[in-house]
């Protein structure tokens, strides 16, 4: 019968418990600091900063101390080994924020009450009766984007709703986690010629090389494209990006295993306007990796590649997580 060291076992259990506790705290902070603050009635200051004292008043934080929260803010790292949060002092207050993926929706209620705002009532009515409205010439992108976000959050952003909401005023569109069809993609590039930022993350079941080429040919103003986890994308898509993506500045190709090292090098050399490229988990061979880094340096392109921040900080951005999932932008 082998001897079991109970002290070591207890130590291991204790560390596991601490890790689980820290994980829960990090998830709660991500929720509050990325999109839940307004829903919880907190004040969001310029730049997405929130007073840590207000954060501590949220019910889900009742089991944590301010000291623990500030420690998590200083030490929490993303899966890309970059900081999730930051803090600063302002007018005697400690303000904290998420460093990426901030997307605060306006509170649906009047301040300090549970009374729904007139804006929210009107939007809710329109969303319940979308068939009765022609939004083709509607001039406010912010409101259309808010409608899309609400339906998406409620898992009601279906093909029928998208046909009504894909209109010319849209410049930013996030279709991550939305079921898409060929007809919806055609509606997108036909009805939304002004798109500048487009996320098709995790749409690998529909996004092929032909789709990528058509998107780039039709959406000539596109500056930022997220193809993360689009597993049918190959070298042909990268060639199309070089040929048609004349205004493309930001490109996310993470979690794609069907593109070659040579195609990545060609992309960096030949894509005219490219300034940010996310290929974090791509395993470039030693010699090609050095060629890619040198080409990026010459073109002044910032690359997100695993291990690059530590070995060559001049060729990567300070926080690679800023390019996930929507390049740090909010709209």
C-alpha atoms as a PDB file:
ATOM      1  CA  UNK A   1       0.000   0.000   0.000  1.00  0.00           C
ATOM      2  CA  UNK A   2       1.713   3.260  -1.090  1.00  0.00           C
ATOM      3  CA  UNK A   3       2.114   6.012   1.468  1.00  0.00           C
ATOM      4  CA  UNK A   4       0.063   9.125   0.752  1.00  0.00           C
ATOM      5  CA  UNK A   5       1.319  12.460   2.022  1.00  0.00           C
ATOM      6  CA  UNK A   6      -1.854  14.091   3.328  1.00  0.00           C
ATOM      7  CA  UNK A   7      -0.137  17.462   3.729  1.00  0.00           C
ATOM      8  CA  UNK A   8       0.813  17.530   0.048  1.00  0.00           C
ATOM      9  CA  UNK A   9      -2.701  16.456  -0.901  1.00  0.00           C
ATOM     10  CA  UNK A  10      -4.217  19.211   1.233  1.00  0.00           C
ATOM     11  CA  UNK A  11      -1.818  21.734  -0.294  1.00  0.00           C
ATOM     12  CA  UNK A  12      -2.805  20.654  -3.799  1.00  0.00           C
ATOM     13  CA  UNK A  13      -6.516  20.835  -2.961  1.00  0.00           C
ATOM     14  CA  UNK A  14      -5.997  24.292  -1.474  1.00  0.00           C
ATOM     15  CA  UNK A  15      -4.251  25.570  -4.606  1.00  0.00           C
ATOM     16  CA  UNK A  16      -7.000  24.150  -6.814  1.00  0.00           C
ATOM     17  CA  UNK A  17      -9.618  25.864  -4.667  1.00  0.00           C
ATOM     18  CA  UNK A  18      -7.715  29.155  -4.908  1.00  0.00           C
ATOM     19  CA  UNK A  19      -7.505  28.805  -8.702  1.00  0.00           C
ATOM     20  CA  UNK A  20     -11.247  28.178  -8.950  1.00  0.00           C
ATOM     21  CA  UNK A  21     -11.915  31.178  -6.705  1.00  0.00           C
ATOM     22  CA  UNK A  22      -9.656  33.421  -8.804  1.00  0.00           C
ATOM     23  CA  UNK A  23     -11.334  32.122 -11.965  1.00  0.00           C
ATOM     24  CA  UNK A  24     -14.778  33.065 -10.676  1.00  0.00           C
ATOM     25  CA  UNK A  25     -13.546  36.517  -9.699  1.00  0.00           C
ATOM     26  CA  UNK A  26     -11.982  37.068 -13.134  1.00  0.00           C
ATOM     27  CA  UNK A  27     -15.209  36.028 -14.907  1.00  0.00           C
ATOM     28  CA  UNK A  28     -17.269  38.355 -12.731  1.00  0.00           C
ATOM     29  CA  UNK A  29     -14.930  41.251 -13.455  1.00  0.00           C
ATOM     30  CA  UNK A  30     -15.025  40.468 -17.187  1.00  0.00           C
ATOM     31  CA  UNK A  31     -18.829  40.611 -17.110  1.00  0.00           C
ATOM     32  CA  UNK A  32     -18.976  43.915 -15.222  1.00  0.00           C
ATOM     33  CA  UNK A  33     -16.088  45.692 -16.941  1.00  0.00           C
ATOM     34  CA  UNK A  34     -16.897  44.580 -20.487  1.00  0.00           C
ATOM     35  CA  UNK A  35     -20.657  44.949 -20.806  1.00  0.00           C
ATOM     36  CA  UNK A  36     -22.588  44.504 -17.551  1.00  0.00           C
ATOM     37  CA  UNK A  37     -21.777  47.761 -15.724  1.00  0.00           C
ATOM     38  CA  UNK A  38     -24.738  49.784 -16.999  1.00  0.00           C
ATOM     39  CA  UNK A  39     -27.126  46.902 -16.425  1.00  0.00           C
ATOM     40  CA  UNK A  40     -25.888  46.800 -12.820  1.00  0.00           C
ATOM     41  CA  UNK A  41     -26.446  50.555 -12.454  1.00  0.00           C
ATOM     42  CA  UNK A  42     -22.776  51.584 -12.395  1.00  0.00           C
ATOM     43  CA  UNK A  43     -21.319  54.809 -13.816  1.00  0.00           C
ATOM     44  CA  UNK A  44     -19.010  54.272 -16.781  1.00  0.00           C
ATOM     45  CA  UNK A  45     -16.445  57.060 -17.152  1.00  0.00           C
ATOM     46  CA  UNK A  46     -14.519  58.066 -20.286  1.00  0.00           C
ATOM     47  CA  UNK A  47     -12.495  55.196 -21.685  1.00  0.00           C
ATOM     48  CA  UNK A  48     -14.641  52.538 -19.999  1.00  0.00           C
ATOM     49  CA  UNK A  49     -13.280  53.156 -16.480  1.00  0.00           C
ATOM     50  CA  UNK A  50     -15.437  52.368 -13.430  1.00  0.00           C
ATOM     51  CA  UNK A  51     -14.922  53.271  -9.769  1.00  0.00           C
ATOM     52  CA  UNK A  52     -13.821  50.148  -7.906  1.00  0.00           C
ATOM     53  CA  UNK A  53     -16.016  51.227  -4.955  1.00  0.00           C
ATOM     54  CA  UNK A  54     -19.091  50.977  -7.191  1.00  0.00           C
ATOM     55  CA  UNK A  55     -17.964  47.597  -8.511  1.00  0.00           C
ATOM     56  CA  UNK A  56     -17.781  46.293  -4.940  1.00  0.00           C
ATOM     57  CA  UNK A  57     -21.457  47.211  -4.419  1.00  0.00           C
ATOM     58  CA  UNK A  58     -22.643  44.793  -7.123  1.00  0.00           C
ATOM     59  CA  UNK A  59     -24.340  41.803  -5.489  1.00  0.00           C
ATOM     60  CA  UNK A  60     -22.201  39.179  -7.256  1.00  0.00           C
ATOM     61  CA  UNK A  61     -19.070  40.761  -5.712  1.00  0.00           C
ATOM     62  CA  UNK A  62     -20.268  40.327  -2.102  1.00  0.00           C
ATOM     63  CA  UNK A  63     -17.914  37.389  -1.464  1.00  0.00           C
ATOM     64  CA  UNK A  64     -14.830  39.322  -2.619  1.00  0.00           C
ATOM     65  CA  UNK A  65     -12.823  42.111  -1.012  1.00  0.00           C
ATOM     66  CA  UNK A  66     -11.566  45.265  -2.678  1.00  0.00           C
ATOM     67  CA  UNK A  67      -8.012  44.081  -2.036  1.00  0.00           C
ATOM     68  CA  UNK A  68      -8.702  40.828  -3.909  1.00  0.00           C
ATOM     69  CA  UNK A  69     -10.280  42.715  -6.801  1.00  0.00           C
ATOM     70  CA  UNK A  70      -7.328  45.094  -7.185  1.00  0.00           C
ATOM     71  CA  UNK A  71      -4.911  42.152  -7.042  1.00  0.00           C
ATOM     72  CA  UNK A  72      -6.885  40.424  -9.807  1.00  0.00           C
ATOM     73  CA  UNK A  73      -6.887  43.641 -11.849  1.00  0.00           C
ATOM     74  CA  UNK A  74      -3.085  43.783 -11.617  1.00  0.00           C
ATOM     75  CA  UNK A  75      -2.338  40.088 -12.246  1.00  0.00           C
ATOM     76  CA  UNK A  76      -5.079  38.547 -14.404  1.00  0.00           C
ATOM     77  CA  UNK A  77      -3.846  37.393 -17.818  1.00  0.00           C
ATOM     78  CA  UNK A  78      -5.756  36.300 -20.906  1.00  0.00           C
ATOM     79  CA  UNK A  79      -5.064  33.010 -22.700  1.00  0.00           C
ATOM     80  CA  UNK A  80      -2.662  35.064 -24.849  1.00  0.00           C
ATOM     81  CA  UNK A  81      -0.650  35.892 -21.747  1.00  0.00           C
ATOM     82  CA  UNK A  82      -1.623  39.587 -21.835  1.00  0.00           C
ATOM     83  CA  UNK A  83      -3.256  41.749 -19.174  1.00  0.00           C
ATOM     84  CA  UNK A  84      -7.052  41.649 -19.033  1.00  0.00           C
ATOM     85  CA  UNK A  85      -7.550  44.750 -16.888  1.00  0.00           C
ATOM     86  CA  UNK A  86      -5.914  47.970 -15.767  1.00  0.00           C
ATOM     87  CA  UNK A  87      -6.396  50.560 -13.029  1.00  0.00           C
ATOM     88  CA  UNK A  88      -5.635  54.243 -12.556  1.00  0.00           C
ATOM     89  CA  UNK A  89      -6.016  56.937  -9.919  1.00  0.00           C
ATOM     90  CA  UNK A  90      -8.287  59.896 -10.702  1.00  0.00           C
ATOM     91  CA  UNK A  91      -9.509  62.591  -8.291  1.00  0.00           C
ATOM     92  CA  UNK A  92      -8.780  60.391  -5.302  1.00  0.00           C
ATOM     93  CA  UNK A  93     -10.639  57.394  -6.746  1.00  0.00           C
ATOM     94  CA  UNK A  94      -9.340  54.068  -8.043  1.00  0.00           C
ATOM     95  CA  UNK A  95     -10.823  53.425 -11.481  1.00  0.00           C
ATOM     96  CA  UNK A  96     -10.629  50.059 -13.225  1.00  0.00           C
ATOM     97  CA  UNK A  97     -11.477  48.821 -16.709  1.00  0.00           C
ATOM     98  CA  UNK A  98     -11.176  45.901 -19.114  1.00  0.00           C
ATOM     99  CA  UNK A  99      -8.426  46.363 -21.691  1.00  0.00           C
ATOM    100  CA  UNK A 100     -10.442  44.813 -24.524  1.00  0.00           C
ATOM    101  CA  UNK A 101     -13.918  43.686 -25.645  1.00  0.00           C
ATOM    102  CA  UNK A 102     -15.695  46.580 -23.938  1.00  0.00           C
ATOM    103  CA  UNK A 103     -19.214  46.895 -25.318  1.00  0.00           C
ATOM    104  CA  UNK A 104     -21.503  48.803 -22.961  1.00  0.00           C
ATOM    105  CA  UNK A 105     -25.139  49.002 -23.968  1.00  0.00           C
ATOM    106  CA  UNK A 106     -27.150  51.956 -22.624  1.00  0.00           C
ATOM    107  CA  UNK A 107     -29.311  51.119 -19.622  1.00  0.00           C
ATOM    108  CA  UNK A 108     -32.916  50.363 -20.690  1.00  0.00           C
ATOM    109  CA  UNK A 109     -34.194  52.107 -17.527  1.00  0.00           C
ATOM    110  CA  UNK A 110     -34.323  55.655 -16.268  1.00  0.00           C
ATOM    111  CA  UNK A 111     -31.508  56.314 -13.810  1.00  0.00           C
ATOM    112  CA  UNK A 112     -32.243  54.961 -10.347  1.00  0.00           C
ATOM    113  CA  UNK A 113     -35.561  53.372 -11.385  1.00  0.00           C
ATOM    114  CA  UNK A 114     -37.019  50.284 -13.021  1.00  0.00           C
ATOM    115  CA  UNK A 115     -38.989  52.456 -15.454  1.00  0.00           C
ATOM    116  CA  UNK A 116     -38.179  51.604 -19.074  1.00  0.00           C
ATOM    117  CA  UNK A 117     -37.025  54.569 -21.160  1.00  0.00           C
ATOM    118  CA  UNK A 118     -39.135  55.805 -24.070  1.00  0.00           C
ATOM    119  CA  UNK A 119     -36.234  54.959 -26.403  1.00  0.00           C
ATOM    120  CA  UNK A 120     -36.211  51.358 -25.195  1.00  0.00           C
ATOM    121  CA  UNK A 121     -40.002  51.052 -25.415  1.00  0.00           C
ATOM    122  CA  UNK A 122     -39.977  52.287 -29.016  1.00  0.00           C
ATOM    123  CA  UNK A 123     -37.094  50.031 -29.979  1.00  0.00           C
ATOM    124  CA  UNK A 124     -38.754  47.027 -28.372  1.00  0.00           C
ATOM    125  CA  UNK A 125     -41.987  47.701 -30.258  1.00  0.00           C
ATOM    126  CA  UNK A 126     -40.173  48.043 -33.576  1.00  0.00           C
ATOM    127  CA  UNK A 127     -38.203  44.820 -32.992  1.00  0.00           C
ATOM    128  CA  UNK A 128     -41.457  42.988 -32.224  1.00  0.00           C
ATOM    129  CA  UNK A 129     -42.969  44.304 -35.470  1.00  0.00           C
ATOM    130  CA  UNK A 130     -39.996  44.492 -37.840  1.00  0.00           C
ATOM    131  CA  UNK A 131     -42.093  43.411 -40.830  1.00  0.00           C
ATOM    132  CA  UNK A 132     -44.024  46.682 -40.614  1.00  0.00           C
ATOM    133  CA  UNK A 133     -40.936  48.878 -41.073  1.00  0.00           C
ATOM    134  CA  UNK A 134     -38.749  49.755 -44.034  1.00  0.00           C
ATOM    135  CA  UNK A 135     -35.369  50.766 -42.576  1.00  0.00           C
ATOM    136  CA  UNK A 136     -33.457  51.002 -45.866  1.00  0.00           C
ATOM    137  CA  UNK A 137     -33.029  54.792 -45.658  1.00  0.00           C
ATOM    138  CA  UNK A 138     -32.810  55.017 -41.863  1.00  0.00           C
ATOM    139  CA  UNK A 139     -29.869  57.364 -41.110  1.00  0.00           C
ATOM    140  CA  UNK A 140     -28.691  56.321 -37.610  1.00  0.00           C
ATOM    141  CA  UNK A 141     -26.181  53.438 -37.558  1.00  0.00           C
ATOM    142  CA  UNK A 142     -26.032  53.470 -33.749  1.00  0.00           C
ATOM    143  CA  UNK A 143     -29.731  52.594 -33.424  1.00  0.00           C
ATOM    144  CA  UNK A 144     -29.588  49.884 -36.107  1.00  0.00           C
ATOM    145  CA  UNK A 145     -26.512  48.398 -34.387  1.00  0.00           C
ATOM    146  CA  UNK A 146     -28.334  48.506 -31.035  1.00  0.00           C
ATOM    147  CA  UNK A 147     -31.264  46.614 -32.566  1.00  0.00           C
ATOM    148  CA  UNK A 148     -28.936  43.958 -33.953  1.00  0.00           C
ATOM    149  CA  UNK A 149     -27.155  43.665 -30.594  1.00  0.00           C
ATOM    150  CA  UNK A 150     -30.435  43.284 -28.683  1.00  0.00           C
ATOM    151  CA  UNK A 151     -31.743  40.564 -30.972  1.00  0.00           C
ATOM    152  CA  UNK A 152     -28.396  38.811 -30.904  1.00  0.00           C
ATOM    153  CA  UNK A 153     -28.304  38.885 -27.116  1.00  0.00           C
ATOM    154  CA  UNK A 154     -31.799  37.364 -26.980  1.00  0.00           C
ATOM    155  CA  UNK A 155     -30.850  34.708 -29.593  1.00  0.00           C
ATOM    156  CA  UNK A 156     -33.497  36.144 -31.937  1.00  0.00           C
ATOM    157  CA  UNK A 157     -31.227  37.492 -34.683  1.00  0.00           C
ATOM    158  CA  UNK A 158     -32.519  35.167 -37.374  1.00  0.00           C
ATOM    159  CA  UNK A 159     -32.493  35.306 -41.168  1.00  0.00           C
ATOM    160  CA  UNK A 160     -35.808  37.165 -41.317  1.00  0.00           C
ATOM    161  CA  UNK A 161     -34.639  39.898 -38.919  1.00  0.00           C
ATOM    162  CA  UNK A 162     -31.297  40.306 -40.671  1.00  0.00           C
ATOM    163  CA  UNK A 163     -33.002  40.934 -44.004  1.00  0.00           C
ATOM    164  CA  UNK A 164     -34.704  43.940 -42.390  1.00  0.00           C
ATOM    165  CA  UNK A 165     -31.675  45.243 -40.506  1.00  0.00           C
ATOM    166  CA  UNK A 166     -28.875  44.920 -43.066  1.00  0.00           C
ATOM    167  CA  UNK A 167     -29.153  48.451 -44.431  1.00  0.00           C
ATOM    168  CA  UNK A 168     -26.763  50.929 -46.130  1.00  0.00           C
ATOM    169  CA  UNK A 169     -26.081  53.007 -42.993  1.00  0.00           C
ATOM    170  CA  UNK A 170     -24.185  50.132 -41.338  1.00  0.00           C
ATOM    171  CA  UNK A 171     -20.414  50.545 -41.159  1.00  0.00           C
ATOM    172  CA  UNK A 172     -19.759  48.012 -38.357  1.00  0.00           C
ATOM    173  CA  UNK A 173     -21.219  44.513 -38.254  1.00  0.00           C
ATOM    174  CA  UNK A 174     -20.524  41.636 -35.860  1.00  0.00           C
ATOM    175  CA  UNK A 175     -22.017  38.333 -37.069  1.00  0.00           C
ATOM    176  CA  UNK A 176     -20.107  36.134 -34.637  1.00  0.00           C
ATOM    177  CA  UNK A 177     -22.328  33.380 -33.234  1.00  0.00           C
ATOM    178  CA  UNK A 178     -25.133  34.155 -35.717  1.00  0.00           C
ATOM    179  CA  UNK A 179     -26.527  31.470 -38.021  1.00  0.00           C
ATOM    180  CA  UNK A 180     -25.835  32.653 -41.564  1.00  0.00           C
ATOM    181  CA  UNK A 181     -26.973  31.519 -44.987  1.00  0.00           C
ATOM    182  CA  UNK A 182     -25.716  32.255 -48.488  1.00  0.00           C
ATOM    183  CA  UNK A 183     -28.710  34.555 -49.057  1.00  0.00           C
ATOM    184  CA  UNK A 184     -27.923  36.587 -45.910  1.00  0.00           C
ATOM    185  CA  UNK A 185     -24.305  37.060 -46.977  1.00  0.00           C
ATOM    186  CA  UNK A 186     -25.532  38.202 -50.390  1.00  0.00           C
ATOM    187  CA  UNK A 187     -27.914  40.638 -48.681  1.00  0.00           C
ATOM    188  CA  UNK A 188     -25.004  41.923 -46.594  1.00  0.00           C
ATOM    189  CA  UNK A 189     -22.679  42.764 -49.472  1.00  0.00           C
ATOM    190  CA  UNK A 190     -25.585  44.078 -51.584  1.00  0.00           C
ATOM    191  CA  UNK A 191     -27.328  46.215 -48.947  1.00  0.00           C
ATOM    192  CA  UNK A 192     -24.331  47.313 -46.820  1.00  0.00           C
ATOM    193  CA  UNK A 193     -21.783  48.807 -49.234  1.00  0.00           C
ATOM    194  CA  UNK A 194     -20.396  51.112 -46.522  1.00  0.00           C
ATOM    195  CA  UNK A 195     -19.182  48.373 -44.175  1.00  0.00           C
ATOM    196  CA  UNK A 196     -15.748  49.148 -42.729  1.00  0.00           C
ATOM    197  CA  UNK A 197     -15.581  46.615 -39.856  1.00  0.00           C
ATOM    198  CA  UNK A 198     -16.863  43.053 -40.238  1.00  0.00           C
ATOM    199  CA  UNK A 199     -16.546  40.061 -37.902  1.00  0.00           C
ATOM    200  CA  UNK A 200     -17.318  36.575 -39.218  1.00  0.00           C
ATOM    201  CA  UNK A 201     -15.596  34.808 -36.331  1.00  0.00           C
ATOM    202  CA  UNK A 202     -16.706  31.177 -35.901  1.00  0.00           C
ATOM    203  CA  UNK A 203     -18.656  31.224 -39.182  1.00  0.00           C
ATOM    204  CA  UNK A 204     -16.454  28.526 -40.691  1.00  0.00           C
ATOM    205  CA  UNK A 205     -19.425  26.445 -41.807  1.00  0.00           C
ATOM    206  CA  UNK A 206     -20.373  29.114 -44.394  1.00  0.00           C
ATOM    207  CA  UNK A 207     -17.213  31.162 -45.052  1.00  0.00           C
ATOM    208  CA  UNK A 208     -15.243  29.696 -47.960  1.00  0.00           C
ATOM    209  CA  UNK A 209     -12.559  31.104 -50.252  1.00  0.00           C
ATOM    210  CA  UNK A 210     -15.220  32.135 -52.788  1.00  0.00           C
ATOM    211  CA  UNK A 211     -17.190  33.944 -50.074  1.00  0.00           C
ATOM    212  CA  UNK A 212     -14.093  35.790 -48.850  1.00  0.00           C
ATOM    213  CA  UNK A 213     -13.226  36.914 -52.386  1.00  0.00           C
ATOM    214  CA  UNK A 214     -16.776  38.106 -53.044  1.00  0.00           C
ATOM    215  CA  UNK A 215     -16.890  40.024 -49.763  1.00  0.00           C
ATOM    216  CA  UNK A 216     -13.659  41.832 -50.616  1.00  0.00           C
ATOM    217  CA  UNK A 217     -14.753  42.597 -54.168  1.00  0.00           C
ATOM    218  CA  UNK A 218     -18.149  43.920 -53.089  1.00  0.00           C
ATOM    219  CA  UNK A 219     -17.233  45.691 -49.823  1.00  0.00           C
ATOM    220  CA  UNK A 220     -14.522  47.972 -51.127  1.00  0.00           C
ATOM    221  CA  UNK A 221     -14.461  50.171 -47.997  1.00  0.00           C
ATOM    222  CA  UNK A 222     -13.639  47.278 -45.659  1.00  0.00           C
ATOM    223  CA  UNK A 223     -10.850  48.181 -43.220  1.00  0.00           C
ATOM    224  CA  UNK A 224     -11.149  45.466 -40.568  1.00  0.00           C
ATOM    225  CA  UNK A 225     -12.023  41.792 -41.149  1.00  0.00           C
ATOM    226  CA  UNK A 226     -12.211  39.025 -38.551  1.00  0.00           C
ATOM    227  CA  UNK A 227     -12.071  35.504 -40.007  1.00  0.00           C
ATOM    228  CA  UNK A 228     -10.996  33.766 -36.785  1.00  0.00           C
ATOM    229  CA  UNK A 229     -11.885  30.052 -36.749  1.00  0.00           C
ATOM    230  CA  UNK A 230     -13.180  30.121 -40.338  1.00  0.00           C
ATOM    231  CA  UNK A 231     -11.662  26.727 -41.015  1.00  0.00           C
ATOM    232  CA  UNK A 232     -12.437  26.543 -44.752  1.00  0.00           C
ATOM    233  CA  UNK A 233     -10.298  29.597 -45.507  1.00  0.00           C
ATOM    234  CA  UNK A 234      -7.135  28.662 -47.453  1.00  0.00           C
ATOM    235  CA  UNK A 235      -4.290  30.345 -49.329  1.00  0.00           C
ATOM    236  CA  UNK A 236      -6.783  31.380 -52.029  1.00  0.00           C
ATOM    237  CA  UNK A 237      -8.468  33.732 -49.569  1.00  0.00           C
ATOM    238  CA  UNK A 238      -5.152  35.361 -48.708  1.00  0.00           C
ATOM    239  CA  UNK A 239      -4.426  35.882 -52.419  1.00  0.00           C
ATOM    240  CA  UNK A 240      -7.864  37.503 -52.788  1.00  0.00           C
ATOM    241  CA  UNK A 241      -7.156  39.736 -49.790  1.00  0.00           C
ATOM    242  CA  UNK A 242      -3.941  40.946 -51.437  1.00  0.00           C
ATOM    243  CA  UNK A 243      -5.747  41.561 -54.733  1.00  0.00           C
ATOM    244  CA  UNK A 244      -9.000  43.157 -53.572  1.00  0.00           C
ATOM    245  CA  UNK A 245      -8.430  44.329 -49.973  1.00  0.00           C
ATOM    246  CA  UNK A 246      -7.022  47.712 -50.959  1.00  0.00           C
ATOM    247  CA  UNK A 247      -8.249  49.430 -47.766  1.00  0.00           C
ATOM    248  CA  UNK A 248      -7.871  46.489 -45.384  1.00  0.00           C
ATOM    249  CA  UNK A 249      -5.850  47.542 -42.332  1.00  0.00           C
ATOM    250  CA  UNK A 250      -6.734  44.850 -39.764  1.00  0.00           C
ATOM    251  CA  UNK A 251      -7.061  41.107 -40.356  1.00  0.00           C
ATOM    252  CA  UNK A 252      -7.666  38.267 -37.908  1.00  0.00           C
ATOM    253  CA  UNK A 253      -6.685  34.779 -39.119  1.00  0.00           C
ATOM    254  CA  UNK A 254      -6.315  33.075 -35.740  1.00  0.00           C
ATOM    255  CA  UNK A 255      -7.476  29.470 -35.205  1.00  0.00           C
ATOM    256  CA  UNK A 256      -7.100  28.624 -38.896  1.00  0.00           C
ATOM    257  CA  UNK A 257      -4.871  25.665 -39.813  1.00  0.00           C
ATOM    258  CA  UNK A 258      -5.442  25.618 -43.590  1.00  0.00           C
ATOM    259  CA  UNK A 259      -3.100  28.444 -44.611  1.00  0.00           C
ATOM    260  CA  UNK A 260       0.594  28.035 -45.384  1.00  0.00           C
ATOM    261  CA  UNK A 261       3.622  29.903 -44.101  1.00  0.00           C
ATOM    262  CA  UNK A 262       4.378  31.136 -47.611  1.00  0.00           C
ATOM    263  CA  UNK A 263       0.878  32.578 -48.024  1.00  0.00           C
ATOM    264  CA  UNK A 264       1.287  34.525 -44.778  1.00  0.00           C
ATOM    265  CA  UNK A 265       4.598  35.943 -45.998  1.00  0.00           C
ATOM    266  CA  UNK A 266       3.037  36.929 -49.333  1.00  0.00           C
ATOM    267  CA  UNK A 267       0.171  38.599 -47.475  1.00  0.00           C
ATOM    268  CA  UNK A 268       2.523  40.725 -45.378  1.00  0.00           C
ATOM    269  CA  UNK A 269       4.580  41.732 -48.411  1.00  0.00           C
ATOM    270  CA  UNK A 270       1.715  42.407 -50.825  1.00  0.00           C
ATOM    271  CA  UNK A 271      -1.369  43.580 -48.862  1.00  0.00           C
ATOM    272  CA  UNK A 272      -1.070  47.328 -49.473  1.00  0.00           C
ATOM    273  CA  UNK A 273      -2.772  48.874 -46.428  1.00  0.00           C
ATOM    274  CA  UNK A 274      -2.351  46.115 -43.830  1.00  0.00           C
ATOM    275  CA  UNK A 275      -1.219  47.385 -40.413  1.00  0.00           C
ATOM    276  CA  UNK A 276      -2.396  44.692 -37.956  1.00  0.00           C
ATOM    277  CA  UNK A 277      -2.360  40.919 -38.525  1.00  0.00           C
ATOM    278  CA  UNK A 278      -3.547  38.376 -35.950  1.00  0.00           C
ATOM    279  CA  UNK A 279      -2.067  34.892 -36.521  1.00  0.00           C
ATOM    280  CA  UNK A 280      -1.551  34.127 -32.832  1.00  0.00           C
ATOM    281  CA  UNK A 281      -1.648  30.316 -32.915  1.00  0.00           C
ATOM    282  CA  UNK A 282      -0.107  29.752 -36.352  1.00  0.00           C
ATOM    283  CA  UNK A 283       3.006  27.554 -36.094  1.00  0.00           C
ATOM    284  CA  UNK A 284       5.428  29.218 -38.474  1.00  0.00           C
ATOM    285  CA  UNK A 285       8.601  27.283 -39.246  1.00  0.00           C
ATOM    286  CA  UNK A 286      11.820  28.801 -37.920  1.00  0.00           C
ATOM    287  CA  UNK A 287      13.187  30.327 -41.131  1.00  0.00           C
ATOM    288  CA  UNK A 288       9.775  31.520 -42.337  1.00  0.00           C
ATOM    289  CA  UNK A 289       9.038  33.005 -38.925  1.00  0.00           C
ATOM    290  CA  UNK A 290      12.153  35.187 -39.201  1.00  0.00           C
ATOM    291  CA  UNK A 291      11.241  36.234 -42.741  1.00  0.00           C
ATOM    292  CA  UNK A 292       7.711  37.138 -41.616  1.00  0.00           C
ATOM    293  CA  UNK A 293       9.039  39.212 -38.714  1.00  0.00           C
ATOM    294  CA  UNK A 294      11.537  41.037 -40.932  1.00  0.00           C
ATOM    295  CA  UNK A 295       8.923  41.719 -43.632  1.00  0.00           C
ATOM    296  CA  UNK A 296       6.524  43.037 -40.995  1.00  0.00           C
ATOM    297  CA  UNK A 297       9.237  45.306 -39.628  1.00  0.00           C
ATOM    298  CA  UNK A 298       9.935  46.734 -43.072  1.00  0.00           C
ATOM    299  CA  UNK A 299       6.226  47.278 -43.793  1.00  0.00           C
ATOM    300  CA  UNK A 300       5.579  48.615 -40.255  1.00  0.00           C
ATOM    301  CA  UNK A 301       2.917  45.948 -39.722  1.00  0.00           C
ATOM    302  CA  UNK A 302       2.104  44.807 -36.187  1.00  0.00           C
ATOM    303  CA  UNK A 303       1.674  41.037 -35.817  1.00  0.00           C
ATOM    304  CA  UNK A 304       0.003  38.996 -33.088  1.00  0.00           C
ATOM    305  CA  UNK A 305       1.944  35.717 -32.927  1.00  0.00           C
ATOM    306  CA  UNK A 306       2.515  33.466 -29.940  1.00  0.00           C
ATOM    307  CA  UNK A 307       5.793  34.296 -28.216  1.00  0.00           C
ATOM    308  CA  UNK A 308       6.480  37.323 -30.397  1.00  0.00           C
ATOM    309  CA  UNK A 309       5.768  39.918 -27.711  1.00  0.00           C
ATOM    310  CA  UNK A 310       8.582  38.571 -25.557  1.00  0.00           C
ATOM    311  CA  UNK A 311      11.110  37.989 -28.364  1.00  0.00           C
ATOM    312  CA  UNK A 312      10.457  40.968 -30.630  1.00  0.00           C
ATOM    313  CA  UNK A 313       8.199  43.623 -29.032  1.00  0.00           C
ATOM    314  CA  UNK A 314       8.840  46.090 -31.886  1.00  0.00           C
ATOM    315  CA  UNK A 315       6.793  43.958 -34.290  1.00  0.00           C
ATOM    316  CA  UNK A 316       3.753  43.340 -32.095  1.00  0.00           C
ATOM    317  CA  UNK A 317       1.256  45.489 -30.249  1.00  0.00           C
ATOM    318  CA  UNK A 318       1.551  45.890 -26.498  1.00  0.00           C
ATOM    319  CA  UNK A 319      -1.642  43.958 -25.787  1.00  0.00           C
ATOM    320  CA  UNK A 320      -2.353  41.275 -28.450  1.00  0.00           C
ATOM    321  CA  UNK A 321      -5.794  40.594 -26.957  1.00  0.00           C
ATOM    322  CA  UNK A 322      -6.910  43.968 -28.323  1.00  0.00           C
ATOM    323  CA  UNK A 323      -7.449  42.254 -31.668  1.00  0.00           C
ATOM    324  CA  UNK A 324      -9.976  39.786 -30.225  1.00  0.00           C
ATOM    325  CA  UNK A 325     -12.712  39.373 -31.139  1.00  0.00           C
ATOM    326  CA  UNK A 326     -13.528  42.699 -32.796  1.00  0.00           C
ATOM    327  CA  UNK A 327     -10.164  44.395 -32.744  1.00  0.00           C
ATOM    328  CA  UNK A 328     -10.958  46.185 -29.491  1.00  0.00           C
ATOM    329  CA  UNK A 329     -13.601  48.357 -31.126  1.00  0.00           C
ATOM    330  CA  UNK A 330     -17.007  49.108 -29.705  1.00  0.00           C
ATOM    331  CA  UNK A 331     -19.959  50.526 -31.592  1.00  0.00           C
END
